Amino acid sequence: MNISIIFENIFKKLKKEKSLEKNVKIGDKTNVTGENSPFDSVAFVQLTSYIELELAKKLKKNFSILLNEIPEIKKNRSLTIGGLKKYISNKIKR
């Protein structure tokens, strides 16, 4: 399963829904939380919800993102797309 493709499809969906600006470029170093993040609180919730839904479909079981498990959030740092992908990859492997 290619997590990067799942994320790209979700970014397209968020842009289409106008939750993200159409011309914003999002990469692994893009902040999901904190200053300079293109994700406001609503877009953040949409992002995590869409990820959970897509992964639940692909894995054929419930999938939940638990924010208090993500290392960057535990350390009170900004979460990046790359950090979120890493958390999800590790959680899928468990």
PDB file of N, CA and C in Angstrom:
ATOM      1  N   MET A   1       0.850  -1.172   0.000  1.00  0.00           N
ATOM      2  CA  MET A   1       0.000   0.000   0.000  1.00  0.00           C
ATOM      3  C   MET A   1       0.897   1.236   0.000  1.00  0.00           C
ATOM      4  N   ASN A   2       0.614   2.132  -0.914  1.00  0.00           N
ATOM      5  CA  ASN A   2       1.409   3.346  -1.032  1.00  0.00           C
ATOM      6  C   ASN A   2       0.715   4.496  -0.296  1.00  0.00           C
ATOM      7  N   ILE A   3       1.232   4.801   0.882  1.00  0.00           N
ATOM      8  CA  ILE A   3       0.632   5.847   1.715  1.00  0.00           C
ATOM      9  C   ILE A   3       0.733   7.212   1.042  1.00  0.00           C
ATOM     10  N   SER A   4       1.822   7.456   0.308  1.00  0.00           N
ATOM     11  CA  SER A   4       1.998   8.758  -0.359  1.00  0.00           C
ATOM     12  C   SER A   4       0.889   9.018  -1.371  1.00  0.00           C
ATOM     13  N   ILE A   5       0.468   7.980  -2.085  1.00  0.00           N
ATOM     14  CA  ILE A   5      -0.618   8.136  -3.064  1.00  0.00           C
ATOM     15  C   ILE A   5      -1.933   8.433  -2.344  1.00  0.00           C
ATOM     16  N   ILE A   6      -2.161   7.772  -1.232  1.00  0.00           N
ATOM     17  CA  ILE A   6      -3.374   8.039  -0.442  1.00  0.00           C
ATOM     18  C   ILE A   6      -3.388   9.507  -0.015  1.00  0.00           C
ATOM     19  N   PHE A   7      -2.258   9.995   0.487  1.00  0.00           N
ATOM     20  CA  PHE A   7      -2.165  11.388   0.915  1.00  0.00           C
ATOM     21  C   PHE A   7      -2.397  12.335  -0.257  1.00  0.00           C
ATOM     22  N   GLU A   8      -1.771  12.066  -1.398  1.00  0.00           N
ATOM     23  CA  GLU A   8      -1.939  12.934  -2.565  1.00  0.00           C
ATOM     24  C   GLU A   8      -3.403  13.030  -2.981  1.00  0.00           C
ATOM     25  N   ASN A   9      -4.090  11.912  -2.975  1.00  0.00           N
ATOM     26  CA  ASN A   9      -5.518  11.910  -3.337  1.00  0.00           C
ATOM     27  C   ASN A   9      -6.341  12.717  -2.335  1.00  0.00           C
ATOM     28  N   ILE A  10      -5.992  12.626  -1.071  1.00  0.00           N
ATOM     29  CA  ILE A  10      -6.701  13.386  -0.042  1.00  0.00           C
ATOM     30  C   ILE A  10      -6.415  14.884  -0.200  1.00  0.00           C
ATOM     31  N   PHE A  11      -5.169  15.249  -0.516  1.00  0.00           N
ATOM     32  CA  PHE A  11      -4.851  16.662  -0.733  1.00  0.00           C
ATOM     33  C   PHE A  11      -5.671  17.216  -1.896  1.00  0.00           C
ATOM     34  N   LYS A  12      -5.788  16.438  -2.968  1.00  0.00           N
ATOM     35  CA  LYS A  12      -6.600  16.864  -4.119  1.00  0.00           C
ATOM     36  C   LYS A  12      -8.048  17.076  -3.707  1.00  0.00           C
ATOM     37  N   LYS A  13      -8.551  16.163  -2.903  1.00  0.00           N
ATOM     38  CA  LYS A  13      -9.937  16.262  -2.433  1.00  0.00           C
ATOM     39  C   LYS A  13     -10.125  17.519  -1.580  1.00  0.00           C
ATOM     40  N   LEU A  14      -9.185  17.788  -0.685  1.00  0.00           N
ATOM     41  CA  LEU A  14      -9.278  18.971   0.166  1.00  0.00           C
ATOM     42  C   LEU A  14      -9.207  20.262  -0.653  1.00  0.00           C
ATOM     43  N   LYS A  15      -8.405  20.248  -1.702  1.00  0.00           N
ATOM     44  CA  LYS A  15      -8.329  21.424  -2.580  1.00  0.00           C
ATOM     45  C   LYS A  15      -9.630  21.603  -3.351  1.00  0.00           C
ATOM     46  N   LYS A  16     -10.184  20.502  -3.823  1.00  0.00           N
ATOM     47  CA  LYS A  16     -11.449  20.557  -4.563  1.00  0.00           C
ATOM     48  C   LYS A  16     -12.576  21.086  -3.667  1.00  0.00           C
ATOM     49  N   GLU A  17     -12.541  20.691  -2.397  1.00  0.00           N
ATOM     50  CA  GLU A  17     -13.551  21.152  -1.435  1.00  0.00           C
ATOM     51  C   GLU A  17     -13.249  22.548  -0.894  1.00  0.00           C
ATOM     52  N   LYS A  18     -12.137  23.124  -1.346  1.00  0.00           N
ATOM     53  CA  LYS A  18     -11.692  24.458  -0.938  1.00  0.00           C
ATOM     54  C   LYS A  18     -11.302  24.545   0.537  1.00  0.00           C
ATOM     55  N   SER A  19     -10.915  23.402   1.110  1.00  0.00           N
ATOM     56  CA  SER A  19     -10.394  23.383   2.478  1.00  0.00           C
ATOM     57  C   SER A  19      -8.914  23.743   2.483  1.00  0.00           C
ATOM     58  N   LEU A  20      -8.262  23.542   1.340  1.00  0.00           N
ATOM     59  CA  LEU A  20      -6.877  23.961   1.130  1.00  0.00           C
ATOM     60  C   LEU A  20      -6.845  24.835  -0.109  1.00  0.00           C
ATOM     61  N   GLU A  21      -5.932  25.802  -0.114  1.00  0.00           N
ATOM     62  CA  GLU A  21      -5.787  26.634  -1.303  1.00  0.00           C
ATOM     63  C   GLU A  21      -5.279  25.784  -2.458  1.00  0.00           C
ATOM     64  N   LYS A  22      -5.809  26.034  -3.657  1.00  0.00           N
ATOM     65  CA  LYS A  22      -5.465  25.225  -4.825  1.00  0.00           C
ATOM     66  C   LYS A  22      -3.982  25.249  -5.169  1.00  0.00           C
ATOM     67  N   ASN A  23      -3.325  26.382  -4.953  1.00  0.00           N
ATOM     68  CA  ASN A  23      -1.927  26.490  -5.383  1.00  0.00           C
ATOM     69  C   ASN A  23      -0.921  26.163  -4.284  1.00  0.00           C
ATOM     70  N   VAL A  24      -1.374  25.727  -3.109  1.00  0.00           N
ATOM     71  CA  VAL A  24      -0.448  25.387  -2.030  1.00  0.00           C
ATOM     72  C   VAL A  24       0.249  24.064  -2.369  1.00  0.00           C
ATOM     73  N   LYS A  25       1.569  24.048  -2.184  1.00  0.00           N
ATOM     74  CA  LYS A  25       2.346  22.834  -2.428  1.00  0.00           C
ATOM     75  C   LYS A  25       2.562  22.143  -1.093  1.00  0.00           C
ATOM     76  N   ILE A  26       2.249  20.857  -1.055  1.00  0.00           N
ATOM     77  CA  ILE A  26       2.360  20.102   0.189  1.00  0.00           C
ATOM     78  C   ILE A  26       3.346  18.958  -0.015  1.00  0.00           C
ATOM     79  N   GLY A  27       4.328  18.902   0.876  1.00  0.00           N
ATOM     80  CA  GLY A  27       5.326  17.842   0.841  1.00  0.00           C
ATOM     81  C   GLY A  27       5.531  17.289   2.239  1.00  0.00           C
ATOM     82  N   ASP A  28       6.488  16.381   2.373  1.00  0.00           N
ATOM     83  CA  ASP A  28       6.724  15.743   3.663  1.00  0.00           C
ATOM     84  C   ASP A  28       7.137  16.721   4.761  1.00  0.00           C
ATOM     85  N   LYS A  29       7.704  17.860   4.394  1.00  0.00           N
ATOM     86  CA  LYS A  29       8.137  18.837   5.395  1.00  0.00           C
ATOM     87  C   LYS A  29       7.064  19.869   5.728  1.00  0.00           C
ATOM     88  N   THR A  30       5.920  19.778   5.075  1.00  0.00           N
ATOM     89  CA  THR A  30       4.824  20.713   5.336  1.00  0.00           C
ATOM     90  C   THR A  30       4.258  20.476   6.729  1.00  0.00           C
ATOM     91  N   ASN A  31       4.097  21.547   7.488  1.00  0.00           N
ATOM     92  CA  ASN A  31       3.500  21.443   8.817  1.00  0.00           C
ATOM     93  C   ASN A  31       2.008  21.150   8.708  1.00  0.00           C
ATOM     94  N   VAL A  32       1.576  20.204   9.504  1.00  0.00           N
ATOM     95  CA  VAL A  32       0.149  19.901   9.608  1.00  0.00           C
ATOM     96  C   VAL A  32      -0.432  20.686  10.774  1.00  0.00           C
ATOM     97  N   THR A  33       0.408  20.940  11.782  1.00  0.00           N
ATOM     98  CA  THR A  33      -0.003  21.701  12.961  1.00  0.00           C
ATOM     99  C   THR A  33       0.986  22.838  13.164  1.00  0.00           C
ATOM    100  N   GLY A  34       0.592  23.800  13.938  1.00  0.00           N
ATOM    101  CA  GLY A  34       1.486  24.895  14.285  1.00  0.00           C
ATOM    102  C   GLY A  34       1.480  26.022  13.272  1.00  0.00           C
ATOM    103  N   GLU A  35       2.405  26.942  13.486  1.00  0.00           N
ATOM    104  CA  GLU A  35       2.509  28.109  12.600  1.00  0.00           C
ATOM    105  C   GLU A  35       2.902  27.679  11.193  1.00  0.00           C
ATOM    106  N   ASN A  36       2.501  28.469  10.253  1.00  0.00           N
ATOM    107  CA  ASN A  36       2.834  28.257   8.838  1.00  0.00           C
ATOM    108  C   ASN A  36       2.205  26.996   8.246  1.00  0.00           C
ATOM    109  N   SER A  37       1.236  26.438   8.902  1.00  0.00           N
ATOM    110  CA  SER A  37       0.560  25.268   8.357  1.00  0.00           C
ATOM    111  C   SER A  37      -0.554  25.717   7.417  1.00  0.00           C
ATOM    112  N   PRO A  38      -0.659  25.091   6.247  1.00  0.00           N
ATOM    113  CA  PRO A  38      -1.774  25.426   5.356  1.00  0.00           C
ATOM    114  C   PRO A  38      -3.101  24.820   5.825  1.00  0.00           C
ATOM    115  N   PHE A  39      -3.034  23.987   6.868  1.00  0.00           N
ATOM    116  CA  PHE A  39      -4.226  23.322   7.397  1.00  0.00           C
ATOM    117  C   PHE A  39      -4.777  24.111   8.572  1.00  0.00           C
ATOM    118  N   ASP A  40      -5.992  24.640   8.417  1.00  0.00           N
ATOM    119  CA  ASP A  40      -6.647  25.231   9.586  1.00  0.00           C
ATOM    120  C   ASP A  40      -7.252  24.077  10.381  1.00  0.00           C
ATOM    121  N   SER A  41      -7.946  24.366  11.461  1.00  0.00           N
ATOM    122  CA  SER A  41      -8.459  23.290  12.317  1.00  0.00           C
ATOM    123  C   SER A  41      -9.454  22.390  11.586  1.00  0.00           C
ATOM    124  N   VAL A  42     -10.272  22.972  10.736  1.00  0.00           N
ATOM    125  CA  VAL A  42     -11.252  22.167   9.980  1.00  0.00           C
ATOM    126  C   VAL A  42     -10.536  21.269   8.971  1.00  0.00           C
ATOM    127  N   ALA A  43      -9.570  21.822   8.243  1.00  0.00           N
ATOM    128  CA  ALA A  43      -8.825  21.030   7.256  1.00  0.00           C
ATOM    129  C   ALA A  43      -8.030  19.920   7.941  1.00  0.00           C
ATOM    130  N   PHE A  44      -7.522  20.178   9.148  1.00  0.00           N
ATOM    131  CA  PHE A  44      -6.801  19.156   9.899  1.00  0.00           C
ATOM    132  C   PHE A  44      -7.729  17.989  10.241  1.00  0.00           C
ATOM    133  N   VAL A  45      -8.915  18.311  10.720  1.00  0.00           N
ATOM    134  CA  VAL A  45      -9.891  17.267  11.052  1.00  0.00           C
ATOM    135  C   VAL A  45     -10.290  16.498   9.792  1.00  0.00           C
ATOM    136  N   GLN A  46     -10.515  17.213   8.699  1.00  0.00           N
ATOM    137  CA  GLN A  46     -10.849  16.547   7.438  1.00  0.00           C
ATOM    138  C   GLN A  46      -9.715  15.624   7.002  1.00  0.00           C
ATOM    139  N   LEU A  47      -8.480  16.113   7.060  1.00  0.00           N
ATOM    140  CA  LEU A  47      -7.327  15.318   6.663  1.00  0.00           C
ATOM    141  C   LEU A  47      -7.278  14.012   7.452  1.00  0.00           C
ATOM    142  N   THR A  48      -7.325  14.102   8.766  1.00  0.00           N
ATOM    143  CA  THR A  48      -7.226  12.891   9.583  1.00  0.00           C
ATOM    144  C   THR A  48      -8.428  11.970   9.376  1.00  0.00           C
ATOM    145  N   SER A  49      -9.610  12.536   9.219  1.00  0.00           N
ATOM    146  CA  SER A  49     -10.804  11.712   8.979  1.00  0.00           C
ATOM    147  C   SER A  49     -10.719  10.979   7.649  1.00  0.00           C
ATOM    148  N   TYR A  50     -10.298  11.689   6.604  1.00  0.00           N
ATOM    149  CA  TYR A  50     -10.158  11.050   5.287  1.00  0.00           C
ATOM    150  C   TYR A  50      -9.094   9.960   5.298  1.00  0.00           C
ATOM    151  N   ILE A  51      -8.002  10.194   6.014  1.00  0.00           N
ATOM    152  CA  ILE A  51      -6.958   9.165   6.124  1.00  0.00           C
ATOM    153  C   ILE A  51      -7.534   7.927   6.804  1.00  0.00           C
ATOM    154  N   GLU A  52      -8.224   8.131   7.911  1.00  0.00           N
ATOM    155  CA  GLU A  52      -8.827   6.993   8.628  1.00  0.00           C
ATOM    156  C   GLU A  52      -9.790   6.221   7.737  1.00  0.00           C
ATOM    157  N   LEU A  53     -10.632   6.927   7.004  1.00  0.00           N
ATOM    158  CA  LEU A  53     -11.599   6.263   6.120  1.00  0.00           C
ATOM    159  C   LEU A  53     -10.911   5.474   5.014  1.00  0.00           C
ATOM    160  N   GLU A  54      -9.929   6.080   4.363  1.00  0.00           N
ATOM    161  CA  GLU A  54      -9.214   5.405   3.269  1.00  0.00           C
ATOM    162  C   GLU A  54      -8.474   4.171   3.762  1.00  0.00           C
ATOM    163  N   LEU A  55      -7.807   4.295   4.894  1.00  0.00           N
ATOM    164  CA  LEU A  55      -7.068   3.153   5.419  1.00  0.00           C
ATOM    165  C   LEU A  55      -8.004   2.048   5.909  1.00  0.00           C
ATOM    166  N   ALA A  56      -9.112   2.426   6.482  1.00  0.00           N
ATOM    167  CA  ALA A  56     -10.092   1.413   6.905  1.00  0.00           C
ATOM    168  C   ALA A  56     -10.589   0.618   5.700  1.00  0.00           C
ATOM    169  N   LYS A  57     -10.830   1.311   4.585  1.00  0.00           N
ATOM    170  CA  LYS A  57     -11.261   0.623   3.354  1.00  0.00           C
ATOM    171  C   LYS A  57     -10.187  -0.330   2.860  1.00  0.00           C
ATOM    172  N   LYS A  58      -8.949   0.165   2.796  1.00  0.00           N
ATOM    173  CA  LYS A  58      -7.854  -0.631   2.258  1.00  0.00           C
ATOM    174  C   LYS A  58      -7.477  -1.797   3.168  1.00  0.00           C
ATOM    175  N   LEU A  59      -7.507  -1.571   4.476  1.00  0.00           N
ATOM    176  CA  LEU A  59      -7.123  -2.614   5.431  1.00  0.00           C
ATOM    177  C   LEU A  59      -8.289  -3.532   5.795  1.00  0.00           C
ATOM    178  N   LYS A  60      -9.494  -3.115   5.414  1.00  0.00           N
ATOM    179  CA  LYS A  60     -10.724  -3.858   5.725  1.00  0.00           C
ATOM    180  C   LYS A  60     -10.914  -4.068   7.226  1.00  0.00           C
ATOM    181  N   LYS A  61     -10.545  -3.019   7.969  1.00  0.00           N
ATOM    182  CA  LYS A  61     -10.787  -2.984   9.415  1.00  0.00           C
ATOM    183  C   LYS A  61     -10.694  -1.535   9.863  1.00  0.00           C
ATOM    184  N   ASN A  62     -11.220  -1.238  11.030  1.00  0.00           N
ATOM    185  CA  ASN A  62     -11.178   0.132  11.538  1.00  0.00           C
ATOM    186  C   ASN A  62      -9.748   0.599  11.705  1.00  0.00           C
ATOM    187  N   PHE A  63      -9.530   1.866  11.427  1.00  0.00           N
ATOM    188  CA  PHE A  63      -8.218   2.473  11.617  1.00  0.00           C
ATOM    189  C   PHE A  63      -8.433   3.832  12.255  1.00  0.00           C
ATOM    190  N   SER A  64      -7.719   4.084  13.352  1.00  0.00           N
ATOM    191  CA  SER A  64      -7.850   5.365  14.052  1.00  0.00           C
ATOM    192  C   SER A  64      -6.495   6.010  14.239  1.00  0.00           C
ATOM    193  N   ILE A  65      -6.453   7.296  14.037  1.00  0.00           N
ATOM    194  CA  ILE A  65      -5.250   8.083  14.330  1.00  0.00           C
ATOM    195  C   ILE A  65      -5.416   8.604  15.755  1.00  0.00           C
ATOM    196  N   LEU A  66      -4.487   8.210  16.622  1.00  0.00           N
ATOM    197  CA  LEU A  66      -4.527   8.653  18.009  1.00  0.00           C
ATOM    198  C   LEU A  66      -3.443   9.714  18.190  1.00  0.00           C
ATOM    199  N   LEU A  67      -3.867  10.957  18.276  1.00  0.00           N
ATOM    200  CA  LEU A  67      -2.927  12.071  18.300  1.00  0.00           C
ATOM    201  C   LEU A  67      -1.904  11.952  19.427  1.00  0.00           C
ATOM    202  N   ASN A  68      -2.324  11.460  20.587  1.00  0.00           N
ATOM    203  CA  ASN A  68      -1.396  11.372  21.712  1.00  0.00           C
ATOM    204  C   ASN A  68      -0.337  10.288  21.533  1.00  0.00           C
ATOM    205  N   GLU A  69      -0.433   9.496  20.457  1.00  0.00           N
ATOM    206  CA  GLU A  69       0.584   8.493  20.152  1.00  0.00           C
ATOM    207  C   GLU A  69       1.661   9.021  19.194  1.00  0.00           C
ATOM    208  N   ILE A  70       1.412  10.138  18.550  1.00  0.00           N
ATOM    209  CA  ILE A  70       2.327  10.658  17.535  1.00  0.00           C
ATOM    210  C   ILE A  70       3.501  11.353  18.238  1.00  0.00           C
ATOM    211  N   PRO A  71       4.742  10.881  17.952  1.00  0.00           N
ATOM    212  CA  PRO A  71       5.914  11.413  18.664  1.00  0.00           C
ATOM    213  C   PRO A  71       6.034  12.940  18.662  1.00  0.00           C
ATOM    214  N   GLU A  72       5.802  13.602  17.533  1.00  0.00           N
ATOM    215  CA  GLU A  72       5.927  15.066  17.487  1.00  0.00           C
ATOM    216  C   GLU A  72       4.930  15.732  18.424  1.00  0.00           C
ATOM    217  N   ILE A  73       3.747  15.228  18.471  1.00  0.00           N
ATOM    218  CA  ILE A  73       2.726  15.825  19.341  1.00  0.00           C
ATOM    219  C   ILE A  73       3.063  15.554  20.807  1.00  0.00           C
ATOM    220  N   LYS A  74       3.566  14.348  21.101  1.00  0.00           N
ATOM    221  CA  LYS A  74       3.991  14.032  22.471  1.00  0.00           C
ATOM    222  C   LYS A  74       5.058  15.005  22.948  1.00  0.00           C
ATOM    223  N   LYS A  75       5.943  15.402  22.025  1.00  0.00           N
ATOM    224  CA  LYS A  75       7.052  16.293  22.373  1.00  0.00           C
ATOM    225  C   LYS A  75       6.698  17.757  22.179  1.00  0.00           C
ATOM    226  N   ASN A  76       5.412  18.025  21.930  1.00  0.00           N
ATOM    227  CA  ASN A  76       4.906  19.391  21.747  1.00  0.00           C
ATOM    228  C   ASN A  76       5.609  20.121  20.593  1.00  0.00           C
ATOM    229  N   ARG A  77       5.843  19.391  19.496  1.00  0.00           N
ATOM    230  CA  ARG A  77       6.437  19.955  18.284  1.00  0.00           C
ATOM    231  C   ARG A  77       5.395  19.985  17.186  1.00  0.00           C
ATOM    232  N   SER A  78       5.679  20.755  16.149  1.00  0.00           N
ATOM    233  CA  SER A  78       4.781  20.764  14.995  1.00  0.00           C
ATOM    234  C   SER A  78       4.837  19.417  14.293  1.00  0.00           C
ATOM    235  N   LEU A  79       3.690  18.929  13.916  1.00  0.00           N
ATOM    236  CA  LEU A  79       3.589  17.686  13.168  1.00  0.00           C
ATOM    237  C   LEU A  79       3.703  18.002  11.690  1.00  0.00           C
ATOM    238  N   THR A  80       4.540  17.246  10.982  1.00  0.00           N
ATOM    239  CA  THR A  80       4.685  17.415   9.539  1.00  0.00           C
ATOM    240  C   THR A  80       3.963  16.284   8.815  1.00  0.00           C
ATOM    241  N   ILE A  81       3.759  16.457   7.526  1.00  0.00           N
ATOM    242  CA  ILE A  81       3.170  15.387   6.713  1.00  0.00           C
ATOM    243  C   ILE A  81       4.047  14.144   6.808  1.00  0.00           C
ATOM    244  N   GLY A  82       5.360  14.320   6.727  1.00  0.00           N
ATOM    245  CA  GLY A  82       6.284  13.185   6.834  1.00  0.00           C
ATOM    246  C   GLY A  82       6.156  12.471   8.166  1.00  0.00           C
ATOM    247  N   GLY A  83       6.018  13.219   9.247  1.00  0.00           N
ATOM    248  CA  GLY A  83       5.831  12.626  10.572  1.00  0.00           C
ATOM    249  C   GLY A  83       4.528  11.855  10.662  1.00  0.00           C
ATOM    250  N   LEU A  84       3.481  12.398  10.063  1.00  0.00           N
ATOM    251  CA  LEU A  84       2.185  11.719  10.060  1.00  0.00           C
ATOM    252  C   LEU A  84       2.253  10.438   9.243  1.00  0.00           C
ATOM    253  N   LYS A  85       2.927  10.481   8.090  1.00  0.00           N
ATOM    254  CA  LYS A  85       3.094   9.282   7.264  1.00  0.00           C
ATOM    255  C   LYS A  85       3.874   8.209   8.024  1.00  0.00           C
ATOM    256  N   LYS A  86       4.920   8.621   8.717  1.00  0.00           N
ATOM    257  CA  LYS A  86       5.738   7.668   9.477  1.00  0.00           C
ATOM    258  C   LYS A  86       4.915   7.013  10.585  1.00  0.00           C
ATOM    259  N   TYR A  87       4.146   7.827  11.306  1.00  0.00           N
ATOM    260  CA  TYR A  87       3.268   7.295  12.361  1.00  0.00           C
ATOM    261  C   TYR A  87       2.308   6.267  11.778  1.00  0.00           C
ATOM    262  N   ILE A  88       1.684   6.605  10.654  1.00  0.00           N
ATOM    263  CA  ILE A  88       0.707   5.708  10.037  1.00  0.00           C
ATOM    264  C   ILE A  88       1.375   4.424   9.553  1.00  0.00           C
ATOM    265  N   SER A  89       2.531   4.547   8.921  1.00  0.00           N
ATOM    266  CA  SER A  89       3.251   3.351   8.443  1.00  0.00           C
ATOM    267  C   SER A  89       3.579   2.424   9.593  1.00  0.00           C
ATOM    268  N   ASN A  90       4.066   2.992  10.695  1.00  0.00           N
ATOM    269  CA  ASN A  90       4.398   2.172  11.875  1.00  0.00           C
ATOM    270  C   ASN A  90       3.157   1.535  12.470  1.00  0.00           C
ATOM    271  N   LYS A  91       2.062   2.262  12.486  1.00  0.00           N
ATOM    272  CA  LYS A  91       0.820   1.720  13.060  1.00  0.00           C
ATOM    273  C   LYS A  91       0.271   0.579  12.202  1.00  0.00           C
ATOM    274  N   ILE A  92       0.392   0.692  10.901  1.00  0.00           N
ATOM    275  CA  ILE A  92      -0.089  -0.363   9.995  1.00  0.00           C
ATOM    276  C   ILE A  92       0.722  -1.641  10.206  1.00  0.00           C
ATOM    277  N   LYS A  93       2.020  -1.499  10.453  1.00  0.00           N
ATOM    278  CA  LYS A  93       2.911  -2.661  10.630  1.00  0.00           C
ATOM    279  C   LYS A  93       2.639  -3.433  11.907  1.00  0.00           C
ATOM    280  N   ARG A  94       2.010  -2.775  12.886  1.00  0.00           N
ATOM    281  CA  ARG A  94       1.766  -3.456  14.186  1.00  0.00           C
ATOM    282  C   ARG A  94       0.799  -4.579  14.051  1.00  0.00           C
TER     283      ARG A  94
END
